[in-house]
Structure formats: structure tokens, C-alpha cells
Amino acid sequence: MSRGVALVTGASSGIGAATARRLVAEGFEVVAAARRSDRLESLAEETGCRVITVDVTDPASVSALAEALGACRVLVNNAGGAFGLDPVASANDEDWQRMYDVNVMGTMRVTRALLPKLIDSGDGVIVNVTSTAGHVAYEGGAGYCAAKAAERALTEALRLELCGQPVRVSEVAPGMVATEEFSVVRFGGDETRAASVYAGVPGPLVADDIADCIAWIATRPWNVNIDSMIVRPRAQAANHKVFRT
């Protein structure tokens, strides 16, 4: 028996793709959404999920996504990213704008577009994938930390606004997760710098670890809301405290 339709944004790789796979396994009718159609098609062949190409920074694209969905019970706002690691003194305007557009505005647009369907489901679930960067700032991360803090605030305000409606609102804030693209994108394709982030760290989290958390939240009983979940590897005691061998 289907658990209903679950939409996952940013599903072409990393945490999004892992979440799509896991929710399919949990019995959801998964719709995987992202910009890269070729990767989505591969995911569809692997899992049987439905795919829709979307750019969460484009209002028209998000509107088309909402129109293409007949129903939606679970929304996983995973589309996001970090661009650059410059201090404020040399911050790049385009990097900051891009981070706000995808992490904050993108989450707002998709949520706004799908709220009527989530409410109509009678037991809607929204899971926003933020970051520990949105809880504690670090040097060089001002732009990303600010964007994720804004997404976290959006999540908290949304929960207050929907109080009394049949929709639960949760935040999953991952710490150090080794995925194939996150750090590579952040460092502009520099794979050596990207690899150095995880160098010597025993057991950094992987995408499946976060997908496991998201699936657990999505499968709780209707009356159970997980407000916020911070997930780190054992080697990471805090953003600034990481054990390396």
C-alpha cells in the first residue's frame, strides 16, 4: 500500500538521490526533481520513481512542477549548495546571491507552491535539509551559514504558521557529509581542495545516513513532529572540532 506521493528536490545526486531511493523502499510514490534530466532518468531506471526537471530558482519552473503533481503528501526540500569559502572582506556577490536563491528562495518557492496539496493530503510532511552551518557560523562560511540560518528560520516560522493544519514541519541539519559533489562544487571543481575537507576523518557521514533520518521523520505517526535533527559523524564534535587521524 502506497504511503502517498513524496517529492524530493535536488534529487540528481548526493542526499537527494539517496533520499529518493530510500523513500521508494519505504513505499512512497516518489517524484525526483532536479535540474539535470540525464541523472534523473538514470535514477528513474534504477528505482522506478517519477522524475520532473525543475530549477527551484525559476518561479515559472516551480509553478510547472506544482501543476505536474496531482497530489503531494511529503516534500523534501533538499535542493541547495555552498559556493565559495571566502571571508566577508573578499565576498563574491554572485556566490552569495546564488546561495540565497537556491537555499532560501528555492525552498520558499517550492513550499509555497505545494502547500495546498500538502494540506489536502490530510497528513503532510515537510522536511527541509539545512546544515549545522545554519546553527553555528565558521570562518569563511558567512554566506553559506547565513543562507542556511535563513532556511532554518523559514522552517521555524512555517511551523508556527501551519499550527492547527494537518502538516508537520521538520529540519534535518547535517554536519560533515562526504558526497560526490558538495565540496567539489564549493571549491569550483578543485577536487584536491574538496578531498582535503574529509582527509583523515574516520567515518564521515554519507548520503544514505541523512536519507535514513529523512525517511524516519517521514514515517512517524501523524501526531509526531520532529522539529529539528542535528546529525554529525562521531568524529565531529562541533563545526570547529573534528578528529583526524
Protein backbone atom coordinates (compact mmCIF):
# COMPACT_ATOMS: atom_id res chain seq x y z
CA MET A 1 0.00 0.00 0.00
CA SER A 2 1.39 3.39 -1.02
CA ARG A 3 2.28 5.90 1.67
CA GLY A 4 1.46 8.70 -0.78
CA VAL A 5 3.43 10.96 -3.09
CA ALA A 6 6.81 12.27 -1.90
CA LEU A 7 8.63 14.99 -3.81
CA VAL A 8 12.40 15.30 -3.36
CA THR A 9 14.19 18.32 -4.79
CA GLY A 10 17.89 18.28 -5.63
CA ALA A 11 17.45 14.58 -6.35
CA SER A 12 20.03 14.19 -9.10
CA SER A 13 22.87 13.30 -6.72
CA GLY A 14 24.02 13.07 -3.11
CA ILE A 15 21.50 13.31 -0.30
CA GLY A 16 18.61 13.95 -2.68
CA ALA A 17 19.21 10.84 -4.77
CA ALA A 18 19.77 8.73 -1.65
CA THR A 19 16.53 10.06 -0.15
CA ALA A 20 14.58 9.24 -3.31
CA ARG A 21 15.89 5.68 -3.22
CA ARG A 22 15.06 5.28 0.46
CA LEU A 23 11.54 6.69 0.19
CA VAL A 24 10.81 4.36 -2.72
CA ALA A 25 11.92 1.47 -0.49
CA GLU A 26 9.61 2.78 2.25
CA GLY A 27 6.60 2.58 -0.06
CA PHE A 28 6.20 6.17 -1.21
CA GLU A 29 5.38 7.17 -4.78
CA VAL A 30 8.50 9.26 -5.26
CA VAL A 31 8.84 12.19 -7.61
CA ALA A 32 12.51 13.13 -8.01
CA ALA A 33 13.09 16.71 -9.13
CA ALA A 34 16.30 18.49 -10.15
CA ARG A 35 17.88 20.45 -12.99
CA ARG A 36 19.88 17.61 -14.57
CA SER A 37 17.49 15.49 -16.60
CA ASP A 38 20.06 12.86 -17.56
CA ARG A 39 20.82 11.99 -13.94
CA LEU A 40 17.14 11.93 -13.08
CA GLU A 41 16.46 9.47 -15.87
CA SER A 42 19.16 7.15 -14.52
CA LEU A 43 17.57 7.35 -11.08
CA ALA A 44 14.16 6.57 -12.55
CA GLU A 45 15.52 3.50 -14.34
CA GLU A 46 17.11 2.32 -11.10
CA THR A 47 14.21 2.94 -8.71
CA GLY A 48 11.03 3.30 -10.74
CA CYS A 49 10.43 6.80 -9.40
CA ARG A 50 8.84 9.53 -11.47
CA VAL A 51 11.07 12.44 -12.48
CA ILE A 52 10.44 16.11 -13.22
CA THR A 53 13.06 18.60 -14.33
CA VAL A 54 12.93 21.77 -12.24
CA ASP A 55 15.03 24.80 -11.41
CA VAL A 56 13.99 25.98 -7.94
CA THR A 57 15.43 29.46 -8.65
CA ASP A 58 12.94 29.93 -11.51
CA PRO A 59 9.36 30.76 -10.39
CA ALA A 60 7.88 29.54 -13.68
CA SER A 61 9.70 26.21 -13.38
CA VAL A 62 8.41 25.73 -9.84
CA SER A 63 4.86 26.56 -10.93
CA ALA A 64 5.11 23.97 -13.69
CA LEU A 65 6.35 21.43 -11.15
CA ALA A 66 3.33 22.04 -8.91
CA GLU A 67 0.94 21.74 -11.85
CA ALA A 68 2.51 18.43 -12.87
CA LEU A 69 1.86 16.90 -9.45
CA GLY A 70 -1.60 15.54 -8.90
CA ALA A 71 -1.01 15.25 -5.17
CA CYS A 72 1.78 15.53 -2.64
CA ARG A 73 2.00 14.25 0.92
CA VAL A 74 5.73 14.58 1.65
CA LEU A 75 8.02 17.39 0.50
CA VAL A 76 11.77 17.12 0.99
CA ASN A 77 13.39 20.48 0.24
CA ASN A 78 16.91 19.28 -0.39
CA ALA A 79 17.99 21.47 -3.31
CA GLY A 80 20.80 23.71 -2.12
CA GLY A 81 24.52 24.22 -2.13
CA ALA A 82 27.55 26.13 -0.94
CA PHE A 83 29.54 28.29 -3.34
CA GLY A 84 32.92 29.64 -2.32
CA LEU A 85 34.68 29.87 1.03
CA ASP A 86 35.79 33.49 1.01
CA PRO A 87 35.77 35.70 4.10
CA VAL A 88 33.37 38.63 4.20
CA ALA A 89 36.23 41.02 3.31
CA SER A 90 36.52 39.43 -0.13
CA ALA A 91 33.00 38.01 -0.52
CA ASN A 92 31.76 37.36 -4.03
CA ASP A 93 28.34 38.90 -4.66
CA GLU A 94 27.35 36.29 -7.21
CA ASP A 95 28.21 33.39 -4.88
CA TRP A 96 26.16 34.88 -2.04
CA GLN A 97 23.20 35.64 -4.31
CA ARG A 98 23.28 32.13 -5.73
CA MET A 99 23.29 30.59 -2.24
CA TYR A 100 20.28 32.66 -1.20
CA ASP A 101 18.45 31.94 -4.44
CA VAL A 102 18.71 28.17 -4.17
CA ASN A 103 18.78 27.52 -0.42
CA VAL A 104 16.29 30.13 0.78
CA MET A 105 14.20 31.39 -2.11
CA GLY A 106 14.08 27.94 -3.71
CA THR A 107 12.81 26.36 -0.50
CA MET A 108 10.22 29.11 -0.14
CA ARG A 109 9.01 28.80 -3.74
CA VAL A 110 8.59 25.03 -3.73
CA THR A 111 6.94 25.04 -0.30
CA ARG A 112 4.54 27.83 -1.24
CA ALA A 113 3.58 26.09 -4.47
CA LEU A 114 2.90 22.73 -2.83
CA LEU A 115 1.29 23.79 0.46
CA PRO A 116 -2.28 23.38 -0.81
CA LYS A 117 -1.54 19.79 -1.87
CA LEU A 118 0.24 19.01 1.39
CA ILE A 119 -2.72 20.31 3.39
CA ASP A 120 -5.19 18.43 1.20
CA SER A 121 -3.31 15.19 1.86
CA GLY A 122 -4.57 15.28 5.45
CA ASP A 123 -1.10 14.38 6.79
CA GLY A 124 1.51 16.45 5.04
CA VAL A 125 5.19 16.36 5.95
CA ILE A 126 7.79 18.98 5.03
CA VAL A 127 11.45 18.18 5.64
CA ASN A 128 13.91 21.00 4.98
CA VAL A 129 17.52 19.91 4.68
CA THR A 130 19.56 22.71 6.23
CA SER A 131 23.03 22.34 7.76
CA THR A 132 24.87 22.66 11.04
CA ALA A 133 26.27 25.76 9.31
CA GLY A 134 22.87 27.32 9.94
CA HIS A 135 23.26 26.74 13.68
CA VAL A 136 26.88 27.81 14.28
CA ALA A 137 28.91 30.05 11.99
CA TYR A 138 32.52 29.43 10.98
CA GLU A 139 35.24 31.46 9.30
CA GLY A 140 34.92 31.58 5.54
CA GLY A 141 31.38 30.30 5.70
CA ALA A 142 29.46 33.53 6.25
CA GLY A 143 27.46 33.31 3.03
CA TYR A 144 26.51 29.66 3.38
CA CYS A 145 25.95 29.94 7.14
CA ALA A 146 23.69 32.93 6.62
CA ALA A 147 21.70 31.20 3.89
CA LYS A 148 21.20 28.05 5.95
CA ALA A 149 20.32 30.08 9.04
CA ALA A 150 17.66 31.81 6.95
CA GLU A 151 16.34 28.46 5.77
CA ARG A 152 16.23 27.30 9.37
CA ALA A 153 14.28 30.43 10.36
CA LEU A 154 11.92 29.85 7.46
CA THR A 155 11.31 26.34 8.77
CA GLU A 156 10.56 27.51 12.30
CA ALA A 157 8.22 30.29 11.13
CA LEU A 158 6.40 27.90 8.79
CA ARG A 159 5.72 25.51 11.66
CA LEU A 160 4.14 28.34 13.62
CA GLU A 161 2.10 29.49 10.64
CA LEU A 162 0.75 25.98 9.99
CA CYS A 163 -0.15 25.24 13.60
CA GLY A 164 -3.60 23.63 13.50
CA GLN A 165 -3.19 22.47 9.89
CA PRO A 166 -2.52 18.79 9.04
CA VAL A 167 1.12 19.42 8.09
CA ARG A 168 4.26 18.63 10.06
CA VAL A 169 7.42 20.70 9.51
CA SER A 170 10.90 19.35 10.24
CA GLU A 171 14.52 20.35 9.79
CA VAL A 172 17.41 17.96 9.23
CA ALA A 173 20.76 19.69 9.75
CA PRO A 174 23.68 17.52 8.57
CA GLY A 175 27.23 18.08 9.70
CA MET A 176 30.15 16.60 7.78
CA VAL A 177 28.72 14.51 4.93
CA ALA A 178 31.04 13.17 2.23
CA THR A 179 29.09 13.26 -1.03
CA GLU A 180 30.42 13.17 -4.56
CA GLU A 181 29.73 16.82 -5.38
CA PHE A 182 29.11 19.16 -2.43
CA SER A 183 32.69 20.19 -1.66
CA VAL A 184 33.80 19.92 -5.30
CA VAL A 185 31.12 22.49 -6.23
CA ARG A 186 32.04 24.70 -3.29
CA PHE A 187 35.66 24.83 -4.40
CA GLY A 188 34.83 25.48 -8.04
CA GLY A 189 35.75 21.99 -9.23
CA ASP A 190 39.04 21.74 -7.30
CA GLU A 191 38.91 18.07 -6.30
CA THR A 192 42.13 18.27 -4.26
CA ARG A 193 40.76 21.01 -2.00
CA ALA A 194 37.44 19.19 -1.79
CA ALA A 195 39.13 15.96 -0.69
CA SER A 196 41.09 17.81 1.99
CA VAL A 197 37.84 18.58 3.84
CA TYR A 198 37.45 14.92 4.74
CA ALA A 199 41.16 13.97 4.91
CA GLY A 200 41.91 11.81 7.92
CA VAL A 201 38.33 11.91 9.22
CA PRO A 202 37.31 8.40 10.30
CA GLY A 203 33.79 7.69 9.15
CA PRO A 204 32.34 10.92 7.80
CA LEU A 205 28.63 10.66 7.17
CA VAL A 206 27.42 9.59 3.73
CA ALA A 207 24.25 10.49 1.86
CA ASP A 208 22.47 7.31 2.96
CA ASP A 209 22.88 8.33 6.61
CA ILE A 210 20.89 11.51 6.03
CA ALA A 211 18.35 9.72 3.84
CA ASP A 212 17.79 7.35 6.76
CA CYS A 213 16.97 10.30 9.03
CA ILE A 214 14.61 11.87 6.49
CA ALA A 215 12.78 8.58 5.94
CA TRP A 216 12.41 8.11 9.71
CA ILE A 217 10.83 11.55 10.05
CA ALA A 218 8.51 10.96 7.10
CA THR A 219 7.25 7.67 8.53
CA ARG A 220 6.41 8.85 12.06
CA PRO A 221 2.74 8.74 13.14
CA TRP A 222 0.60 11.73 12.17
CA ASN A 223 0.84 13.31 15.62
CA VAL A 224 4.65 13.16 15.93
CA ASN A 225 6.61 16.18 14.67
CA ILE A 226 10.41 16.11 14.73
CA ASP A 227 11.20 19.82 14.96
CA SER A 228 14.93 19.62 14.31
CA MET A 229 17.53 16.90 13.94
CA ILE A 230 21.26 17.68 14.00
CA VAL A 231 23.30 14.82 12.57
CA ARG A 232 27.08 14.63 12.71
CA PRO A 233 29.67 11.87 12.38
CA ARG A 234 31.18 10.72 15.66
CA ALA A 235 34.48 12.35 14.67
CA GLN A 236 32.86 15.80 14.51
CA ALA A 237 32.06 17.17 17.96
CA ALA A 238 31.25 20.62 16.55
CA ASN A 239 31.73 22.55 13.31
CA HIS A 240 35.18 23.61 14.52
CA LYS A 241 36.14 20.40 16.36
CA VAL A 242 36.92 17.43 14.12
CA PHE A 243 39.10 14.44 14.95
CA ARG A 244 41.52 13.41 12.21
CA THR A 245 43.96 10.52 12.20
